[in-house]
């Protein structure tokens, strides 16, 4: 009985939700306020280089400059850029994990949920932990079903759970992938596949998360493989999730219906599946306000105009970017 009460008390405590984001994007207040709505209006942290959202009640802003550690410097020392994406972009995607670790260490936080700044969360961290109790002393993120021989090698940390210990292991593993030749060779194998098939991308933190899940399978839980009171969303603009071609699409994103205060996706066999989150990666960010379920707030004028401009730019960007990527790959092959 005492153990049951102890467990209930543990689950009743708010687990921090942490975002890492540079700048002041128009959609950031939506995801922060949505996180507050599911987390008792408290324990939401934004790690950033800007303080623009420090006026939101319940949001703590922690500056990146205060989180520069020896592990961060070690990462910079060993990093190699192996991607068609910009170096600054890829480096920051890896560094967010180091900043999250530094924040948890500085605050004495033993466990936290991390969310990308384009993720709306609809299930509280306490509820997720009660649904997936096996994650408590491990880490958990999203790993689509894939063959190792495919060189897809992708895992999503955009909604993920970390203990301080497992995150420290992941950060050290990240450095090792650039420092140890056997791990670095795996990066180059994947990169060679991209070059041979002229496929954009390359090596990113999602590659490292995938390899970490292979080497540390004893402490990595795949939230995408198990549906409990719903599913996690890998990418709102894709019909795939854990499986390829898993969900019905509408207007180039997963079809969603609203029923009994839940957002439901529709699988190809017509099952209705509640989503614990939606991930608005890329151009689909323009839909974030449509699915926001937090308290009403008056959008800042700057954010309102930024959102309009972003929405107008989307058609141009989605058409031109693939052409630029193909040109970049062609030139890399030409001069290698």
C-alpha atoms as a PDB file:
ATOM      1  CA  UNK A   1       0.000   0.000   0.000  1.00  0.00           C
ATOM      2  CA  UNK A   2       2.821   2.376   0.956  1.00  0.00           C
ATOM      3  CA  UNK A   3       4.574   1.624  -2.332  1.00  0.00           C
ATOM      4  CA  UNK A   4       1.391   2.384  -4.287  1.00  0.00           C
ATOM      5  CA  UNK A   5       0.957   5.734  -2.515  1.00  0.00           C
ATOM      6  CA  UNK A   6       4.614   6.543  -3.169  1.00  0.00           C
ATOM      7  CA  UNK A   7       4.143   5.787  -6.884  1.00  0.00           C
ATOM      8  CA  UNK A   8       1.004   7.937  -7.070  1.00  0.00           C
ATOM      9  CA  UNK A   9       2.789  10.845  -5.367  1.00  0.00           C
ATOM     10  CA  UNK A  10       5.685  10.490  -7.773  1.00  0.00           C
ATOM     11  CA  UNK A  11       3.394  10.565 -10.793  1.00  0.00           C
ATOM     12  CA  UNK A  12       1.488  13.569  -9.435  1.00  0.00           C
ATOM     13  CA  UNK A  13       4.627  15.717  -9.527  1.00  0.00           C
ATOM     14  CA  UNK A  14       5.022  17.828 -12.645  1.00  0.00           C
ATOM     15  CA  UNK A  15       7.804  16.594 -14.905  1.00  0.00           C
ATOM     16  CA  UNK A  16       9.615  19.438 -16.665  1.00  0.00           C
ATOM     17  CA  UNK A  17       8.989  20.003 -20.366  1.00  0.00           C
ATOM     18  CA  UNK A  18      12.010  21.600 -22.010  1.00  0.00           C
ATOM     19  CA  UNK A  19      12.335  23.286 -25.416  1.00  0.00           C
ATOM     20  CA  UNK A  20      15.547  24.448 -27.104  1.00  0.00           C
ATOM     21  CA  UNK A  21      15.119  27.167 -29.717  1.00  0.00           C
ATOM     22  CA  UNK A  22      17.112  30.030 -31.203  1.00  0.00           C
ATOM     23  CA  UNK A  23      15.404  33.338 -31.975  1.00  0.00           C
ATOM     24  CA  UNK A  24      11.774  34.393 -31.616  1.00  0.00           C
ATOM     25  CA  UNK A  25       9.697  32.435 -34.128  1.00  0.00           C
ATOM     26  CA  UNK A  26       6.007  33.322 -34.505  1.00  0.00           C
ATOM     27  CA  UNK A  27       4.826  29.807 -33.574  1.00  0.00           C
ATOM     28  CA  UNK A  28       6.845  29.545 -30.342  1.00  0.00           C
ATOM     29  CA  UNK A  29       4.167  31.061 -28.020  1.00  0.00           C
ATOM     30  CA  UNK A  30       1.689  28.447 -29.251  1.00  0.00           C
ATOM     31  CA  UNK A  31       3.849  25.427 -28.427  1.00  0.00           C
ATOM     32  CA  UNK A  32       4.951  26.895 -25.086  1.00  0.00           C
ATOM     33  CA  UNK A  33       1.377  27.675 -24.024  1.00  0.00           C
ATOM     34  CA  UNK A  34       0.175  24.253 -25.198  1.00  0.00           C
ATOM     35  CA  UNK A  35       2.856  22.625 -23.041  1.00  0.00           C
ATOM     36  CA  UNK A  36       1.716  24.746 -20.091  1.00  0.00           C
ATOM     37  CA  UNK A  37      -1.868  23.634 -20.674  1.00  0.00           C
ATOM     38  CA  UNK A  38      -0.995  19.942 -20.227  1.00  0.00           C
ATOM     39  CA  UNK A  39       1.583  20.474 -17.466  1.00  0.00           C
ATOM     40  CA  UNK A  40      -0.442  22.302 -14.806  1.00  0.00           C
ATOM     41  CA  UNK A  41       0.690  25.734 -16.098  1.00  0.00           C
ATOM     42  CA  UNK A  42       4.175  25.242 -14.703  1.00  0.00           C
ATOM     43  CA  UNK A  43       7.519  23.516 -15.261  1.00  0.00           C
ATOM     44  CA  UNK A  44       7.994  24.561 -18.883  1.00  0.00           C
ATOM     45  CA  UNK A  45      11.476  25.742 -19.798  1.00  0.00           C
ATOM     46  CA  UNK A  46      12.752  27.414 -22.949  1.00  0.00           C
ATOM     47  CA  UNK A  47      16.509  27.193 -23.533  1.00  0.00           C
ATOM     48  CA  UNK A  48      17.285  29.996 -25.970  1.00  0.00           C
ATOM     49  CA  UNK A  49      19.571  32.802 -27.030  1.00  0.00           C
ATOM     50  CA  UNK A  50      16.660  35.249 -26.630  1.00  0.00           C
ATOM     51  CA  UNK A  51      14.342  36.236 -23.795  1.00  0.00           C
ATOM     52  CA  UNK A  52      11.296  37.258 -25.854  1.00  0.00           C
ATOM     53  CA  UNK A  53       8.978  34.669 -24.269  1.00  0.00           C
ATOM     54  CA  UNK A  54       9.971  35.248 -20.645  1.00  0.00           C
ATOM     55  CA  UNK A  55       6.719  37.199 -20.181  1.00  0.00           C
ATOM     56  CA  UNK A  56       4.620  34.011 -20.436  1.00  0.00           C
ATOM     57  CA  UNK A  57       3.552  32.978 -16.928  1.00  0.00           C
ATOM     58  CA  UNK A  58       4.930  29.537 -16.067  1.00  0.00           C
ATOM     59  CA  UNK A  59       7.731  29.600 -18.665  1.00  0.00           C
ATOM     60  CA  UNK A  60      11.323  29.772 -17.473  1.00  0.00           C
ATOM     61  CA  UNK A  61      13.839  31.066 -20.024  1.00  0.00           C
ATOM     62  CA  UNK A  62      17.394  29.784 -19.654  1.00  0.00           C
ATOM     63  CA  UNK A  63      20.060  31.411 -21.818  1.00  0.00           C
ATOM     64  CA  UNK A  64      22.276  29.202 -23.961  1.00  0.00           C
ATOM     65  CA  UNK A  65      25.336  31.264 -22.987  1.00  0.00           C
ATOM     66  CA  UNK A  66      24.987  29.907 -19.449  1.00  0.00           C
ATOM     67  CA  UNK A  67      25.114  26.277 -20.620  1.00  0.00           C
ATOM     68  CA  UNK A  68      28.504  26.101 -22.330  1.00  0.00           C
ATOM     69  CA  UNK A  69      30.258  23.077 -20.839  1.00  0.00           C
ATOM     70  CA  UNK A  70      33.369  20.974 -21.434  1.00  0.00           C
ATOM     71  CA  UNK A  71      31.205  18.424 -23.260  1.00  0.00           C
ATOM     72  CA  UNK A  72      30.009  21.166 -25.627  1.00  0.00           C
ATOM     73  CA  UNK A  73      33.615  22.096 -26.375  1.00  0.00           C
ATOM     74  CA  UNK A  74      34.527  18.449 -26.904  1.00  0.00           C
ATOM     75  CA  UNK A  75      31.707  18.128 -29.435  1.00  0.00           C
ATOM     76  CA  UNK A  76      32.955  21.187 -31.355  1.00  0.00           C
ATOM     77  CA  UNK A  77      36.476  19.762 -31.320  1.00  0.00           C
ATOM     78  CA  UNK A  78      35.515  16.449 -32.924  1.00  0.00           C
ATOM     79  CA  UNK A  79      32.541  17.402 -35.122  1.00  0.00           C
ATOM     80  CA  UNK A  80      32.687  16.734 -38.866  1.00  0.00           C
ATOM     81  CA  UNK A  81      30.052  18.060 -41.237  1.00  0.00           C
ATOM     82  CA  UNK A  82      28.604  15.249 -43.371  1.00  0.00           C
ATOM     83  CA  UNK A  83      25.308  16.584 -44.718  1.00  0.00           C
ATOM     84  CA  UNK A  84      23.735  18.592 -47.524  1.00  0.00           C
ATOM     85  CA  UNK A  85      22.110  20.785 -44.870  1.00  0.00           C
ATOM     86  CA  UNK A  86      23.916  23.833 -43.512  1.00  0.00           C
ATOM     87  CA  UNK A  87      26.608  23.255 -40.912  1.00  0.00           C
ATOM     88  CA  UNK A  88      25.128  25.758 -38.461  1.00  0.00           C
ATOM     89  CA  UNK A  89      21.752  24.037 -38.621  1.00  0.00           C
ATOM     90  CA  UNK A  90      23.109  20.533 -38.041  1.00  0.00           C
ATOM     91  CA  UNK A  91      25.472  21.591 -35.254  1.00  0.00           C
ATOM     92  CA  UNK A  92      22.644  23.222 -33.325  1.00  0.00           C
ATOM     93  CA  UNK A  93      20.494  20.086 -33.703  1.00  0.00           C
ATOM     94  CA  UNK A  94      23.209  18.132 -31.881  1.00  0.00           C
ATOM     95  CA  UNK A  95      24.039  20.867 -29.384  1.00  0.00           C
ATOM     96  CA  UNK A  96      20.461  21.021 -28.075  1.00  0.00           C
ATOM     97  CA  UNK A  97      21.054  17.685 -26.326  1.00  0.00           C
ATOM     98  CA  UNK A  98      24.189  19.031 -24.663  1.00  0.00           C
ATOM     99  CA  UNK A  99      22.337  22.179 -23.578  1.00  0.00           C
ATOM    100  CA  UNK A 100      19.472  20.072 -22.202  1.00  0.00           C
ATOM    101  CA  UNK A 101      21.969  17.995 -20.209  1.00  0.00           C
ATOM    102  CA  UNK A 102      23.724  21.105 -18.858  1.00  0.00           C
ATOM    103  CA  UNK A 103      20.362  22.560 -17.831  1.00  0.00           C
ATOM    104  CA  UNK A 104      19.305  19.367 -16.047  1.00  0.00           C
ATOM    105  CA  UNK A 105      22.644  19.194 -14.242  1.00  0.00           C
ATOM    106  CA  UNK A 106      22.535  22.835 -13.179  1.00  0.00           C
ATOM    107  CA  UNK A 107      19.006  22.472 -11.776  1.00  0.00           C
ATOM    108  CA  UNK A 108      19.439  18.997 -10.297  1.00  0.00           C
ATOM    109  CA  UNK A 109      16.688  17.622 -12.560  1.00  0.00           C
ATOM    110  CA  UNK A 110      16.680  13.831 -12.759  1.00  0.00           C
ATOM    111  CA  UNK A 111      14.114  13.417 -15.565  1.00  0.00           C
ATOM    112  CA  UNK A 112      12.575  15.613 -18.237  1.00  0.00           C
ATOM    113  CA  UNK A 113      10.560  15.567 -21.431  1.00  0.00           C
ATOM    114  CA  UNK A 114      12.150  17.337 -24.393  1.00  0.00           C
ATOM    115  CA  UNK A 115       9.996  18.821 -27.178  1.00  0.00           C
ATOM    116  CA  UNK A 116      11.005  20.418 -30.457  1.00  0.00           C
ATOM    117  CA  UNK A 117       9.670  23.934 -30.861  1.00  0.00           C
ATOM    118  CA  UNK A 118       7.280  22.780 -33.618  1.00  0.00           C
ATOM    119  CA  UNK A 119       5.537  20.148 -31.478  1.00  0.00           C
ATOM    120  CA  UNK A 120       2.129  20.499 -29.854  1.00  0.00           C
ATOM    121  CA  UNK A 121       1.687  18.083 -26.942  1.00  0.00           C
ATOM    122  CA  UNK A 122      -1.797  16.942 -25.877  1.00  0.00           C
ATOM    123  CA  UNK A 123      -1.031  14.369 -23.157  1.00  0.00           C
ATOM    124  CA  UNK A 124       0.594  15.355 -19.881  1.00  0.00           C
ATOM    125  CA  UNK A 125       4.078  14.026 -19.091  1.00  0.00           C
ATOM    126  CA  UNK A 126       2.677  12.363 -15.941  1.00  0.00           C
ATOM    127  CA  UNK A 127       0.093  10.501 -18.033  1.00  0.00           C
ATOM    128  CA  UNK A 128       2.716   9.410 -20.566  1.00  0.00           C
ATOM    129  CA  UNK A 129       4.916   8.127 -17.758  1.00  0.00           C
ATOM    130  CA  UNK A 130       1.994   6.226 -16.223  1.00  0.00           C
ATOM    131  CA  UNK A 131       1.167   4.686 -19.622  1.00  0.00           C
ATOM    132  CA  UNK A 132       4.805   3.774 -20.269  1.00  0.00           C
ATOM    133  CA  UNK A 133       6.253   3.044 -16.797  1.00  0.00           C
ATOM    134  CA  UNK A 134       9.151   1.136 -18.349  1.00  0.00           C
ATOM    135  CA  UNK A 135      10.696   4.415 -19.552  1.00  0.00           C
ATOM    136  CA  UNK A 136      11.166   5.894 -16.074  1.00  0.00           C
ATOM    137  CA  UNK A 137      14.824   4.885 -15.607  1.00  0.00           C
ATOM    138  CA  UNK A 138      15.664   4.822 -19.305  1.00  0.00           C
ATOM    139  CA  UNK A 139      15.145   7.141 -22.254  1.00  0.00           C
ATOM    140  CA  UNK A 140      12.389   7.087 -24.850  1.00  0.00           C
ATOM    141  CA  UNK A 141      11.990   8.544 -28.330  1.00  0.00           C
ATOM    142  CA  UNK A 142      10.442   7.703 -31.717  1.00  0.00           C
ATOM    143  CA  UNK A 143      11.959   5.087 -34.035  1.00  0.00           C
ATOM    144  CA  UNK A 144      10.118   4.172 -37.249  1.00  0.00           C
ATOM    145  CA  UNK A 145      10.297   0.568 -38.417  1.00  0.00           C
ATOM    146  CA  UNK A 146      13.257   0.296 -40.807  1.00  0.00           C
ATOM    147  CA  UNK A 147      15.862  -2.046 -42.185  1.00  0.00           C
ATOM    148  CA  UNK A 148      19.440  -1.325 -41.169  1.00  0.00           C
ATOM    149  CA  UNK A 149      20.467  -2.089 -44.752  1.00  0.00           C
ATOM    150  CA  UNK A 150      18.246   0.750 -46.012  1.00  0.00           C
ATOM    151  CA  UNK A 151      20.568   3.454 -44.610  1.00  0.00           C
ATOM    152  CA  UNK A 152      17.456   5.323 -43.525  1.00  0.00           C
ATOM    153  CA  UNK A 153      18.850   5.261 -39.979  1.00  0.00           C
ATOM    154  CA  UNK A 154      16.379   7.689 -38.485  1.00  0.00           C
ATOM    155  CA  UNK A 155      14.999   8.226 -34.996  1.00  0.00           C
ATOM    156  CA  UNK A 156      13.091  11.269 -33.774  1.00  0.00           C
ATOM    157  CA  UNK A 157      13.790  13.000 -30.502  1.00  0.00           C
ATOM    158  CA  UNK A 158      11.262  15.771 -31.150  1.00  0.00           C
ATOM    159  CA  UNK A 159       9.195  14.375 -28.295  1.00  0.00           C
ATOM    160  CA  UNK A 160      11.394  12.360 -25.975  1.00  0.00           C
ATOM    161  CA  UNK A 161      11.972  11.419 -22.353  1.00  0.00           C
ATOM    162  CA  UNK A 162      15.399  11.489 -20.715  1.00  0.00           C
ATOM    163  CA  UNK A 163      16.923  10.761 -17.392  1.00  0.00           C
ATOM    164  CA  UNK A 164      20.027  12.761 -16.656  1.00  0.00           C
ATOM    165  CA  UNK A 165      22.102   9.570 -16.774  1.00  0.00           C
ATOM    166  CA  UNK A 166      20.849   8.341 -20.171  1.00  0.00           C
ATOM    167  CA  UNK A 167      21.191  11.812 -21.691  1.00  0.00           C
ATOM    168  CA  UNK A 168      24.790  11.990 -20.474  1.00  0.00           C
ATOM    169  CA  UNK A 169      25.408   8.614 -22.125  1.00  0.00           C
ATOM    170  CA  UNK A 170      23.888   9.880 -25.371  1.00  0.00           C
ATOM    171  CA  UNK A 171      25.997  13.065 -25.384  1.00  0.00           C
ATOM    172  CA  UNK A 172      29.168  11.048 -24.806  1.00  0.00           C
ATOM    173  CA  UNK A 173      28.100   8.600 -27.525  1.00  0.00           C
ATOM    174  CA  UNK A 174      27.586  11.556 -29.904  1.00  0.00           C
ATOM    175  CA  UNK A 175      31.185  12.692 -29.361  1.00  0.00           C
ATOM    176  CA  UNK A 176      32.411   9.112 -29.775  1.00  0.00           C
ATOM    177  CA  UNK A 177      30.705   8.801 -33.174  1.00  0.00           C
ATOM    178  CA  UNK A 178      33.048  11.491 -34.490  1.00  0.00           C
ATOM    179  CA  UNK A 179      36.066  10.436 -32.429  1.00  0.00           C
ATOM    180  CA  UNK A 180      36.094   6.645 -32.770  1.00  0.00           C
ATOM    181  CA  UNK A 181      36.893   5.351 -36.233  1.00  0.00           C
ATOM    182  CA  UNK A 182      34.496   2.379 -36.198  1.00  0.00           C
ATOM    183  CA  UNK A 183      31.530   4.645 -35.452  1.00  0.00           C
ATOM    184  CA  UNK A 184      32.707   7.354 -37.831  1.00  0.00           C
ATOM    185  CA  UNK A 185      32.970   4.719 -40.568  1.00  0.00           C
ATOM    186  CA  UNK A 186      29.236   4.061 -40.139  1.00  0.00           C
ATOM    187  CA  UNK A 187      28.532   7.734 -40.801  1.00  0.00           C
ATOM    188  CA  UNK A 188      30.622   7.589 -43.963  1.00  0.00           C
ATOM    189  CA  UNK A 189      28.835   4.437 -45.143  1.00  0.00           C
ATOM    190  CA  UNK A 190      25.509   6.256 -44.899  1.00  0.00           C
ATOM    191  CA  UNK A 191      26.926   9.391 -46.523  1.00  0.00           C
ATOM    192  CA  UNK A 192      28.288   7.359 -49.449  1.00  0.00           C
ATOM    193  CA  UNK A 193      24.796   5.931 -49.963  1.00  0.00           C
ATOM    194  CA  UNK A 194      23.368   9.472 -50.102  1.00  0.00           C
ATOM    195  CA  UNK A 195      25.969  10.540 -52.633  1.00  0.00           C
ATOM    196  CA  UNK A 196      25.536   7.461 -54.843  1.00  0.00           C
ATOM    197  CA  UNK A 197      21.754   7.812 -54.944  1.00  0.00           C
ATOM    198  CA  UNK A 198      21.719  11.635 -54.925  1.00  0.00           C
ATOM    199  CA  UNK A 199      19.471  11.745 -51.852  1.00  0.00           C
ATOM    200  CA  UNK A 200      19.458  14.918 -49.775  1.00  0.00           C
ATOM    201  CA  UNK A 201      20.376  14.839 -46.107  1.00  0.00           C
ATOM    202  CA  UNK A 202      23.210  12.821 -44.642  1.00  0.00           C
ATOM    203  CA  UNK A 203      24.347  12.648 -41.036  1.00  0.00           C
ATOM    204  CA  UNK A 204      22.338  14.436 -38.379  1.00  0.00           C
ATOM    205  CA  UNK A 205      21.370  13.966 -34.753  1.00  0.00           C
ATOM    206  CA  UNK A 206      18.513  11.694 -35.882  1.00  0.00           C
ATOM    207  CA  UNK A 207      21.189   9.354 -37.284  1.00  0.00           C
ATOM    208  CA  UNK A 208      22.976   9.401 -33.936  1.00  0.00           C
ATOM    209  CA  UNK A 209      19.756   8.713 -32.044  1.00  0.00           C
ATOM    210  CA  UNK A 210      19.142   5.693 -34.276  1.00  0.00           C
ATOM    211  CA  UNK A 211      22.669   4.313 -33.749  1.00  0.00           C
ATOM    212  CA  UNK A 212      22.372   4.977 -30.010  1.00  0.00           C
ATOM    213  CA  UNK A 213      19.145   2.938 -29.956  1.00  0.00           C
ATOM    214  CA  UNK A 214      21.054   0.066 -31.572  1.00  0.00           C
ATOM    215  CA  UNK A 215      24.062   0.138 -29.229  1.00  0.00           C
ATOM    216  CA  UNK A 216      22.072   0.959 -26.074  1.00  0.00           C
ATOM    217  CA  UNK A 217      18.933  -1.040 -26.750  1.00  0.00           C
ATOM    218  CA  UNK A 218      18.761  -2.044 -23.080  1.00  0.00           C
ATOM    219  CA  UNK A 219      17.907   1.532 -22.057  1.00  0.00           C
ATOM    220  CA  UNK A 220      16.053   2.921 -25.111  1.00  0.00           C
ATOM    221  CA  UNK A 221      12.268   2.597 -25.371  1.00  0.00           C
ATOM    222  CA  UNK A 222      10.576   3.131 -28.727  1.00  0.00           C
ATOM    223  CA  UNK A 223       7.441   5.197 -28.058  1.00  0.00           C
ATOM    224  CA  UNK A 224       6.354   4.862 -31.681  1.00  0.00           C
ATOM    225  CA  UNK A 225       6.071   1.060 -31.614  1.00  0.00           C
ATOM    226  CA  UNK A 226       3.535   0.811 -28.777  1.00  0.00           C
ATOM    227  CA  UNK A 227       0.096   2.466 -28.840  1.00  0.00           C
ATOM    228  CA  UNK A 228      -1.297   3.115 -25.367  1.00  0.00           C
ATOM    229  CA  UNK A 229      -4.349   5.400 -25.305  1.00  0.00           C
ATOM    230  CA  UNK A 230      -3.112   6.709 -28.643  1.00  0.00           C
ATOM    231  CA  UNK A 231      -0.004   7.168 -30.739  1.00  0.00           C
ATOM    232  CA  UNK A 232       2.861   9.613 -31.005  1.00  0.00           C
ATOM    233  CA  UNK A 233       3.250  11.515 -34.276  1.00  0.00           C
ATOM    234  CA  UNK A 234       6.518  11.262 -36.156  1.00  0.00           C
ATOM    235  CA  UNK A 235       5.707  13.877 -38.783  1.00  0.00           C
ATOM    236  CA  UNK A 236       2.326  15.501 -39.431  1.00  0.00           C
ATOM    237  CA  UNK A 237       3.089  15.964 -43.128  1.00  0.00           C
ATOM    238  CA  UNK A 238       3.696  12.234 -43.715  1.00  0.00           C
ATOM    239  CA  UNK A 239       1.337   9.256 -43.968  1.00  0.00           C
ATOM    240  CA  UNK A 240       4.052   7.122 -42.359  1.00  0.00           C
ATOM    241  CA  UNK A 241       4.525   6.794 -38.637  1.00  0.00           C
ATOM    242  CA  UNK A 242       5.901   3.584 -37.119  1.00  0.00           C
ATOM    243  CA  UNK A 243       4.908   1.841 -40.349  1.00  0.00           C
ATOM    244  CA  UNK A 244       5.127   3.127 -43.908  1.00  0.00           C
ATOM    245  CA  UNK A 245       1.870   4.460 -45.374  1.00  0.00           C
ATOM    246  CA  UNK A 246       0.073   4.025 -42.037  1.00  0.00           C
ATOM    247  CA  UNK A 247      -2.350   6.990 -41.933  1.00  0.00           C
ATOM    248  CA  UNK A 248      -4.927   8.591 -44.214  1.00  0.00           C
ATOM    249  CA  UNK A 249      -3.801  11.943 -45.625  1.00  0.00           C
ATOM    250  CA  UNK A 250      -5.772  15.098 -46.424  1.00  0.00           C
ATOM    251  CA  UNK A 251      -4.287  18.229 -48.057  1.00  0.00           C
ATOM    252  CA  UNK A 252      -0.719  16.866 -47.768  1.00  0.00           C
ATOM    253  CA  UNK A 253      -0.887  16.098 -44.050  1.00  0.00           C
ATOM    254  CA  UNK A 254      -2.416  13.441 -41.795  1.00  0.00           C
ATOM    255  CA  UNK A 255      -6.195  13.672 -41.772  1.00  0.00           C
ATOM    256  CA  UNK A 256      -7.349  14.705 -38.293  1.00  0.00           C
ATOM    257  CA  UNK A 257     -10.851  14.724 -36.861  1.00  0.00           C
ATOM    258  CA  UNK A 258     -11.888  16.267 -33.538  1.00  0.00           C
ATOM    259  CA  UNK A 259     -14.042  13.991 -31.399  1.00  0.00           C
ATOM    260  CA  UNK A 260     -14.736  13.923 -27.640  1.00  0.00           C
ATOM    261  CA  UNK A 261     -12.086  16.593 -27.046  1.00  0.00           C
ATOM    262  CA  UNK A 262      -9.466  14.467 -28.778  1.00  0.00           C
ATOM    263  CA  UNK A 263      -7.513  14.860 -32.013  1.00  0.00           C
ATOM    264  CA  UNK A 264      -7.831  11.575 -33.886  1.00  0.00           C
ATOM    265  CA  UNK A 265      -5.837  10.278 -36.821  1.00  0.00           C
ATOM    266  CA  UNK A 266      -7.306   7.722 -39.220  1.00  0.00           C
ATOM    267  CA  UNK A 267      -5.274   4.643 -40.115  1.00  0.00           C
ATOM    268  CA  UNK A 268      -5.537   2.993 -43.517  1.00  0.00           C
ATOM    269  CA  UNK A 269      -7.784   0.315 -41.948  1.00  0.00           C
ATOM    270  CA  UNK A 270     -10.083   3.164 -40.758  1.00  0.00           C
ATOM    271  CA  UNK A 271      -9.180   2.880 -37.066  1.00  0.00           C
ATOM    272  CA  UNK A 272      -9.381   6.143 -35.112  1.00  0.00           C
ATOM    273  CA  UNK A 273      -6.193   6.802 -33.125  1.00  0.00           C
ATOM    274  CA  UNK A 274      -5.780   9.680 -30.639  1.00  0.00           C
ATOM    275  CA  UNK A 275      -2.477  11.517 -30.909  1.00  0.00           C
ATOM    276  CA  UNK A 276      -0.354  12.391 -27.876  1.00  0.00           C
ATOM    277  CA  UNK A 277       1.356  15.063 -29.994  1.00  0.00           C
ATOM    278  CA  UNK A 278       1.562  16.516 -33.492  1.00  0.00           C
ATOM    279  CA  UNK A 279       4.886  17.361 -35.092  1.00  0.00           C
ATOM    280  CA  UNK A 280       4.652  20.265 -37.546  1.00  0.00           C
ATOM    281  CA  UNK A 281       7.984  19.836 -39.292  1.00  0.00           C
ATOM    282  CA  UNK A 282       8.886  22.153 -42.148  1.00  0.00           C
ATOM    283  CA  UNK A 283       6.233  24.031 -44.117  1.00  0.00           C
ATOM    284  CA  UNK A 284       3.400  22.469 -42.078  1.00  0.00           C
ATOM    285  CA  UNK A 285       4.159  24.867 -39.184  1.00  0.00           C
ATOM    286  CA  UNK A 286       1.543  27.191 -40.620  1.00  0.00           C
ATOM    287  CA  UNK A 287      -1.122  24.839 -39.183  1.00  0.00           C
ATOM    288  CA  UNK A 288       0.072  25.077 -35.572  1.00  0.00           C
ATOM    289  CA  UNK A 289      -2.605  27.672 -34.586  1.00  0.00           C
ATOM    290  CA  UNK A 290      -5.319  25.403 -36.056  1.00  0.00           C
ATOM    291  CA  UNK A 291      -4.573  22.607 -33.571  1.00  0.00           C
ATOM    292  CA  UNK A 292      -3.610  24.694 -30.549  1.00  0.00           C
ATOM    293  CA  UNK A 293      -5.789  23.802 -27.533  1.00  0.00           C
ATOM    294  CA  UNK A 294      -4.349  26.016 -24.810  1.00  0.00           C
ATOM    295  CA  UNK A 295      -5.776  29.184 -23.317  1.00  0.00           C
ATOM    296  CA  UNK A 296      -6.618  32.084 -25.599  1.00  0.00           C
ATOM    297  CA  UNK A 297      -3.912  34.721 -25.873  1.00  0.00           C
ATOM    298  CA  UNK A 298      -3.555  37.822 -27.961  1.00  0.00           C
ATOM    299  CA  UNK A 299      -0.905  37.147 -30.558  1.00  0.00           C
ATOM    300  CA  UNK A 300       1.813  39.789 -30.683  1.00  0.00           C
ATOM    301  CA  UNK A 301       1.553  42.005 -33.737  1.00  0.00           C
ATOM    302  CA  UNK A 302       5.070  41.035 -34.824  1.00  0.00           C
ATOM    303  CA  UNK A 303       4.213  37.326 -34.604  1.00  0.00           C
ATOM    304  CA  UNK A 304       0.966  37.873 -36.508  1.00  0.00           C
ATOM    305  CA  UNK A 305       2.751  39.483 -39.449  1.00  0.00           C
ATOM    306  CA  UNK A 306       5.592  36.928 -39.302  1.00  0.00           C
ATOM    307  CA  UNK A 307       2.986  34.156 -39.568  1.00  0.00           C
ATOM    308  CA  UNK A 308       1.390  35.768 -42.625  1.00  0.00           C
ATOM    309  CA  UNK A 309       4.751  36.173 -44.347  1.00  0.00           C
ATOM    310  CA  UNK A 310       5.720  32.579 -43.475  1.00  0.00           C
ATOM    311  CA  UNK A 311       2.451  31.258 -44.928  1.00  0.00           C
ATOM    312  CA  UNK A 312       2.933  33.221 -48.147  1.00  0.00           C
ATOM    313  CA  UNK A 313       6.512  31.952 -48.532  1.00  0.00           C
ATOM    314  CA  UNK A 314       5.637  28.269 -48.099  1.00  0.00           C
ATOM    315  CA  UNK A 315       4.615  27.493 -51.738  1.00  0.00           C
ATOM    316  CA  UNK A 316       7.776  29.093 -53.115  1.00  0.00           C
ATOM    317  CA  UNK A 317      10.096  27.385 -50.618  1.00  0.00           C
ATOM    318  CA  UNK A 318       8.610  23.920 -51.091  1.00  0.00           C
ATOM    319  CA  UNK A 319       9.033  24.152 -54.869  1.00  0.00           C
ATOM    320  CA  UNK A 320      12.516  25.691 -54.987  1.00  0.00           C
ATOM    321  CA  UNK A 321      14.288  23.839 -52.174  1.00  0.00           C
ATOM    322  CA  UNK A 322      14.395  20.400 -53.889  1.00  0.00           C
ATOM    323  CA  UNK A 323      15.982  21.987 -56.952  1.00  0.00           C
ATOM    324  CA  UNK A 324      18.693  23.652 -54.853  1.00  0.00           C
ATOM    325  CA  UNK A 325      19.405  20.383 -53.015  1.00  0.00           C
ATOM    326  CA  UNK A 326      19.743  18.443 -56.282  1.00  0.00           C
ATOM    327  CA  UNK A 327      22.142  21.089 -57.588  1.00  0.00           C
ATOM    328  CA  UNK A 328      24.230  20.891 -54.393  1.00  0.00           C
ATOM    329  CA  UNK A 329      24.474  17.096 -54.646  1.00  0.00           C
ATOM    330  CA  UNK A 330      25.437  17.317 -58.317  1.00  0.00           C
ATOM    331  CA  UNK A 331      28.258  19.764 -57.541  1.00  0.00           C
ATOM    332  CA  UNK A 332      29.510  17.649 -54.615  1.00  0.00           C
ATOM    333  CA  UNK A 333      29.708  14.584 -56.851  1.00  0.00           C
ATOM    334  CA  UNK A 334      31.353  16.617 -59.597  1.00  0.00           C
ATOM    335  CA  UNK A 335      34.194  17.889 -57.422  1.00  0.00           C
ATOM    336  CA  UNK A 336      34.718  14.820 -55.184  1.00  0.00           C
END
